[in-house]
Amino acid sequence: MTRQDIRQSLNDFFVNHLEYDEAAIRPEASLKEDLGMTSLDAVETSLFIRSNFGFQPERGAIKSLQTLNDVYNYIEQNAQ
């Protein structure tokens, strides 16, 4: 899976499932300040990653990331 595939899949999830504003979806966007990610959103994101990228994120990993780019990097580094 390429980085572009990761970005597209995750961005689609954020817009279509978590209903984040598509205009706010950019690599430097802050998960909390720009997108408004909640603890529940972080859990749902972890479940999405597990089912789509073949690994279980560590507990609290998503909440510890700051930007969308951090999430892309995390997936790219850990995906099988």
N, C-alpha and C. Protein backbone atom coordinates (compact mmCIF):
# COMPACT_ATOMS: atom_id res chain seq x y z
N MET A 1 0.85 -1.18 0.00
CA MET A 1 0.00 0.00 0.00
C MET A 1 0.89 1.24 0.00
N THR A 2 0.59 2.15 -0.88
CA THR A 2 1.40 3.37 -0.99
C THR A 2 0.92 4.42 0.02
N ARG A 3 1.76 5.42 0.21
CA ARG A 3 1.38 6.52 1.11
C ARG A 3 0.11 7.20 0.59
N GLN A 4 0.00 7.35 -0.71
CA GLN A 4 -1.20 7.96 -1.30
C GLN A 4 -2.44 7.14 -0.99
N ASP A 5 -2.31 5.81 -1.06
CA ASP A 5 -3.44 4.93 -0.71
C ASP A 5 -3.84 5.12 0.75
N ILE A 6 -2.85 5.22 1.62
CA ILE A 6 -3.10 5.43 3.05
C ILE A 6 -3.84 6.74 3.25
N ARG A 7 -3.33 7.80 2.63
CA ARG A 7 -3.96 9.12 2.77
C ARG A 7 -5.40 9.10 2.28
N GLN A 8 -5.62 8.53 1.10
CA GLN A 8 -6.96 8.52 0.52
C GLN A 8 -7.93 7.74 1.39
N SER A 9 -7.52 6.58 1.84
CA SER A 9 -8.38 5.74 2.67
C SER A 9 -8.72 6.42 3.99
N LEU A 10 -7.72 6.96 4.65
CA LEU A 10 -7.94 7.63 5.93
C LEU A 10 -8.78 8.90 5.76
N ASN A 11 -8.48 9.69 4.74
CA ASN A 11 -9.25 10.91 4.49
C ASN A 11 -10.72 10.59 4.22
N ASP A 12 -10.96 9.55 3.42
CA ASP A 12 -12.34 9.14 3.14
C ASP A 12 -13.05 8.74 4.44
N PHE A 13 -12.35 8.00 5.30
CA PHE A 13 -12.92 7.60 6.59
C PHE A 13 -13.28 8.84 7.43
N PHE A 14 -12.38 9.80 7.49
CA PHE A 14 -12.63 10.99 8.30
C PHE A 14 -13.81 11.80 7.78
N VAL A 15 -13.94 11.90 6.47
CA VAL A 15 -15.03 12.69 5.89
C VAL A 15 -16.35 11.92 5.92
N ASN A 16 -16.33 10.68 5.51
CA ASN A 16 -17.57 9.92 5.35
C ASN A 16 -18.07 9.25 6.62
N HIS A 17 -17.18 8.85 7.51
CA HIS A 17 -17.62 8.17 8.72
C HIS A 17 -17.65 9.11 9.93
N LEU A 18 -16.56 9.83 10.14
CA LEU A 18 -16.52 10.73 11.30
C LEU A 18 -17.12 12.10 10.98
N GLU A 19 -17.41 12.34 9.70
CA GLU A 19 -18.07 13.56 9.25
C GLU A 19 -17.28 14.83 9.54
N TYR A 20 -15.95 14.74 9.37
CA TYR A 20 -15.12 15.93 9.47
C TYR A 20 -15.28 16.74 8.20
N ASP A 21 -15.09 18.05 8.32
CA ASP A 21 -15.18 18.96 7.19
C ASP A 21 -14.08 18.63 6.18
N GLU A 22 -14.47 18.32 4.96
CA GLU A 22 -13.51 17.94 3.92
C GLU A 22 -12.47 19.04 3.69
N ALA A 23 -12.86 20.29 3.81
CA ALA A 23 -11.93 21.40 3.60
C ALA A 23 -10.83 21.44 4.67
N ALA A 24 -11.08 20.85 5.83
CA ALA A 24 -10.10 20.84 6.91
C ALA A 24 -9.11 19.68 6.79
N ILE A 25 -9.37 18.75 5.89
CA ILE A 25 -8.53 17.57 5.74
C ILE A 25 -7.29 17.94 4.93
N ARG A 26 -6.19 18.15 5.62
CA ARG A 26 -4.89 18.45 5.01
C ARG A 26 -3.81 17.91 5.94
N PRO A 27 -2.66 17.53 5.43
CA PRO A 27 -1.64 16.87 6.25
C PRO A 27 -1.27 17.59 7.54
N GLU A 28 -1.23 18.91 7.50
CA GLU A 28 -0.80 19.66 8.69
C GLU A 28 -1.95 19.95 9.67
N ALA A 29 -3.14 19.49 9.36
CA ALA A 29 -4.30 19.74 10.23
C ALA A 29 -4.12 19.08 11.59
N SER A 30 -4.38 19.84 12.63
CA SER A 30 -4.34 19.31 13.99
C SER A 30 -5.57 18.44 14.22
N LEU A 31 -5.34 17.26 14.77
CA LEU A 31 -6.46 16.34 15.01
C LEU A 31 -7.48 16.95 15.96
N LYS A 32 -7.02 17.57 17.01
CA LYS A 32 -7.95 18.11 18.02
C LYS A 32 -8.45 19.50 17.65
N GLU A 33 -7.55 20.43 17.36
CA GLU A 33 -7.97 21.81 17.13
C GLU A 33 -8.67 22.01 15.80
N ASP A 34 -8.10 21.47 14.71
CA ASP A 34 -8.68 21.69 13.39
C ASP A 34 -9.83 20.75 13.06
N LEU A 35 -9.70 19.48 13.47
CA LEU A 35 -10.72 18.49 13.12
C LEU A 35 -11.71 18.23 14.25
N GLY A 36 -11.32 18.52 15.48
CA GLY A 36 -12.21 18.29 16.62
C GLY A 36 -12.28 16.83 17.03
N MET A 37 -11.18 16.08 16.86
CA MET A 37 -11.18 14.66 17.21
C MET A 37 -11.47 14.47 18.70
N THR A 38 -12.42 13.59 18.98
CA THR A 38 -12.76 13.24 20.36
C THR A 38 -12.12 11.90 20.71
N SER A 39 -12.24 11.51 21.97
CA SER A 39 -11.73 10.20 22.39
C SER A 39 -12.44 9.08 21.65
N LEU A 40 -13.73 9.21 21.44
CA LEU A 40 -14.49 8.20 20.69
C LEU A 40 -14.01 8.13 19.25
N ASP A 41 -13.74 9.29 18.64
CA ASP A 41 -13.21 9.32 17.27
C ASP A 41 -11.87 8.59 17.21
N ALA A 42 -11.03 8.78 18.22
CA ALA A 42 -9.72 8.11 18.25
C ALA A 42 -9.89 6.60 18.32
N VAL A 43 -10.85 6.13 19.11
CA VAL A 43 -11.12 4.69 19.19
C VAL A 43 -11.62 4.17 17.85
N GLU A 44 -12.55 4.88 17.23
CA GLU A 44 -13.06 4.47 15.93
C GLU A 44 -11.97 4.47 14.87
N THR A 45 -11.06 5.43 14.95
CA THR A 45 -9.93 5.49 14.03
C THR A 45 -9.02 4.29 14.23
N SER A 46 -8.77 3.92 15.48
CA SER A 46 -7.96 2.73 15.77
C SER A 46 -8.61 1.48 15.19
N LEU A 47 -9.92 1.35 15.32
CA LEU A 47 -10.63 0.20 14.77
C LEU A 47 -10.55 0.18 13.24
N PHE A 48 -10.66 1.36 12.65
CA PHE A 48 -10.55 1.48 11.19
C PHE A 48 -9.15 1.05 10.74
N ILE A 49 -8.14 1.50 11.44
CA ILE A 49 -6.76 1.14 11.10
C ILE A 49 -6.58 -0.37 11.21
N ARG A 50 -7.07 -0.96 12.29
CA ARG A 50 -6.94 -2.40 12.47
C ARG A 50 -7.58 -3.17 11.31
N SER A 51 -8.77 -2.77 10.92
CA SER A 51 -9.48 -3.53 9.89
C SER A 51 -8.99 -3.22 8.47
N ASN A 52 -8.33 -2.09 8.26
CA ASN A 52 -7.92 -1.71 6.90
C ASN A 52 -6.43 -1.77 6.63
N PHE A 53 -5.61 -1.76 7.68
CA PHE A 53 -4.17 -1.69 7.46
C PHE A 53 -3.41 -2.85 8.11
N GLY A 54 -4.11 -3.80 8.71
CA GLY A 54 -3.50 -5.03 9.15
C GLY A 54 -2.69 -4.99 10.43
N PHE A 55 -2.91 -4.00 11.28
CA PHE A 55 -2.25 -4.00 12.58
C PHE A 55 -3.12 -3.28 13.59
N GLN A 56 -2.93 -3.63 14.85
CA GLN A 56 -3.67 -3.00 15.95
C GLN A 56 -2.82 -1.88 16.53
N PRO A 57 -3.27 -0.62 16.41
CA PRO A 57 -2.53 0.47 17.03
C PRO A 57 -2.42 0.26 18.54
N GLU A 58 -1.29 0.68 19.09
CA GLU A 58 -1.12 0.58 20.54
C GLU A 58 -2.17 1.43 21.24
N ARG A 59 -2.54 1.00 22.43
CA ARG A 59 -3.55 1.73 23.22
C ARG A 59 -3.12 3.18 23.40
N GLY A 60 -3.96 4.11 23.03
CA GLY A 60 -3.69 5.53 23.19
C GLY A 60 -2.81 6.13 22.11
N ALA A 61 -2.39 5.32 21.13
CA ALA A 61 -1.47 5.83 20.11
C ALA A 61 -2.08 6.96 19.30
N ILE A 62 -3.32 6.79 18.88
CA ILE A 62 -3.95 7.81 18.04
C ILE A 62 -4.12 9.11 18.81
N LYS A 63 -4.52 9.02 20.07
CA LYS A 63 -4.69 10.21 20.89
C LYS A 63 -3.38 10.96 21.10
N SER A 64 -2.24 10.26 21.00
CA SER A 64 -0.95 10.90 21.22
C SER A 64 -0.42 11.61 19.98
N LEU A 65 -1.02 11.34 18.82
CA LEU A 65 -0.57 11.98 17.58
C LEU A 65 -1.18 13.37 17.46
N GLN A 66 -0.46 14.27 16.81
CA GLN A 66 -0.89 15.67 16.74
C GLN A 66 -1.59 16.05 15.44
N THR A 67 -1.07 15.58 14.31
CA THR A 67 -1.59 16.01 13.01
C THR A 67 -1.98 14.82 12.15
N LEU A 68 -2.69 15.10 11.07
CA LEU A 68 -3.03 14.05 10.11
C LEU A 68 -1.76 13.42 9.55
N ASN A 69 -0.75 14.23 9.28
CA ASN A 69 0.50 13.70 8.76
C ASN A 69 1.12 12.70 9.74
N ASP A 70 0.99 12.97 11.04
CA ASP A 70 1.47 12.02 12.05
C ASP A 70 0.75 10.68 11.93
N VAL A 71 -0.55 10.72 11.65
CA VAL A 71 -1.32 9.48 11.50
C VAL A 71 -0.87 8.74 10.25
N TYR A 72 -0.70 9.47 9.14
CA TYR A 72 -0.21 8.84 7.90
C TYR A 72 1.13 8.15 8.17
N ASN A 73 2.05 8.85 8.85
CA ASN A 73 3.37 8.30 9.14
C ASN A 73 3.26 7.07 10.02
N TYR A 74 2.42 7.14 11.03
CA TYR A 74 2.24 6.02 11.97
C TYR A 74 1.76 4.77 11.22
N ILE A 75 0.78 4.95 10.34
CA ILE A 75 0.27 3.82 9.57
C ILE A 75 1.35 3.29 8.63
N GLU A 76 2.02 4.20 7.93
CA GLU A 76 3.05 3.78 6.98
C GLU A 76 4.17 2.98 7.67
N GLN A 77 4.53 3.37 8.87
CA GLN A 77 5.60 2.71 9.60
C GLN A 77 5.16 1.36 10.18
N ASN A 78 3.88 1.17 10.44
CA ASN A 78 3.40 -0.02 11.12
C ASN A 78 2.58 -0.98 10.27
N ALA A 79 2.12 -0.55 9.11
CA ALA A 79 1.28 -1.42 8.26
C ALA A 79 2.08 -2.60 7.74
N GLN A 80 1.39 -3.71 7.62
CA GLN A 80 2.05 -4.93 7.14
C GLN A 80 1.92 -5.08 5.65
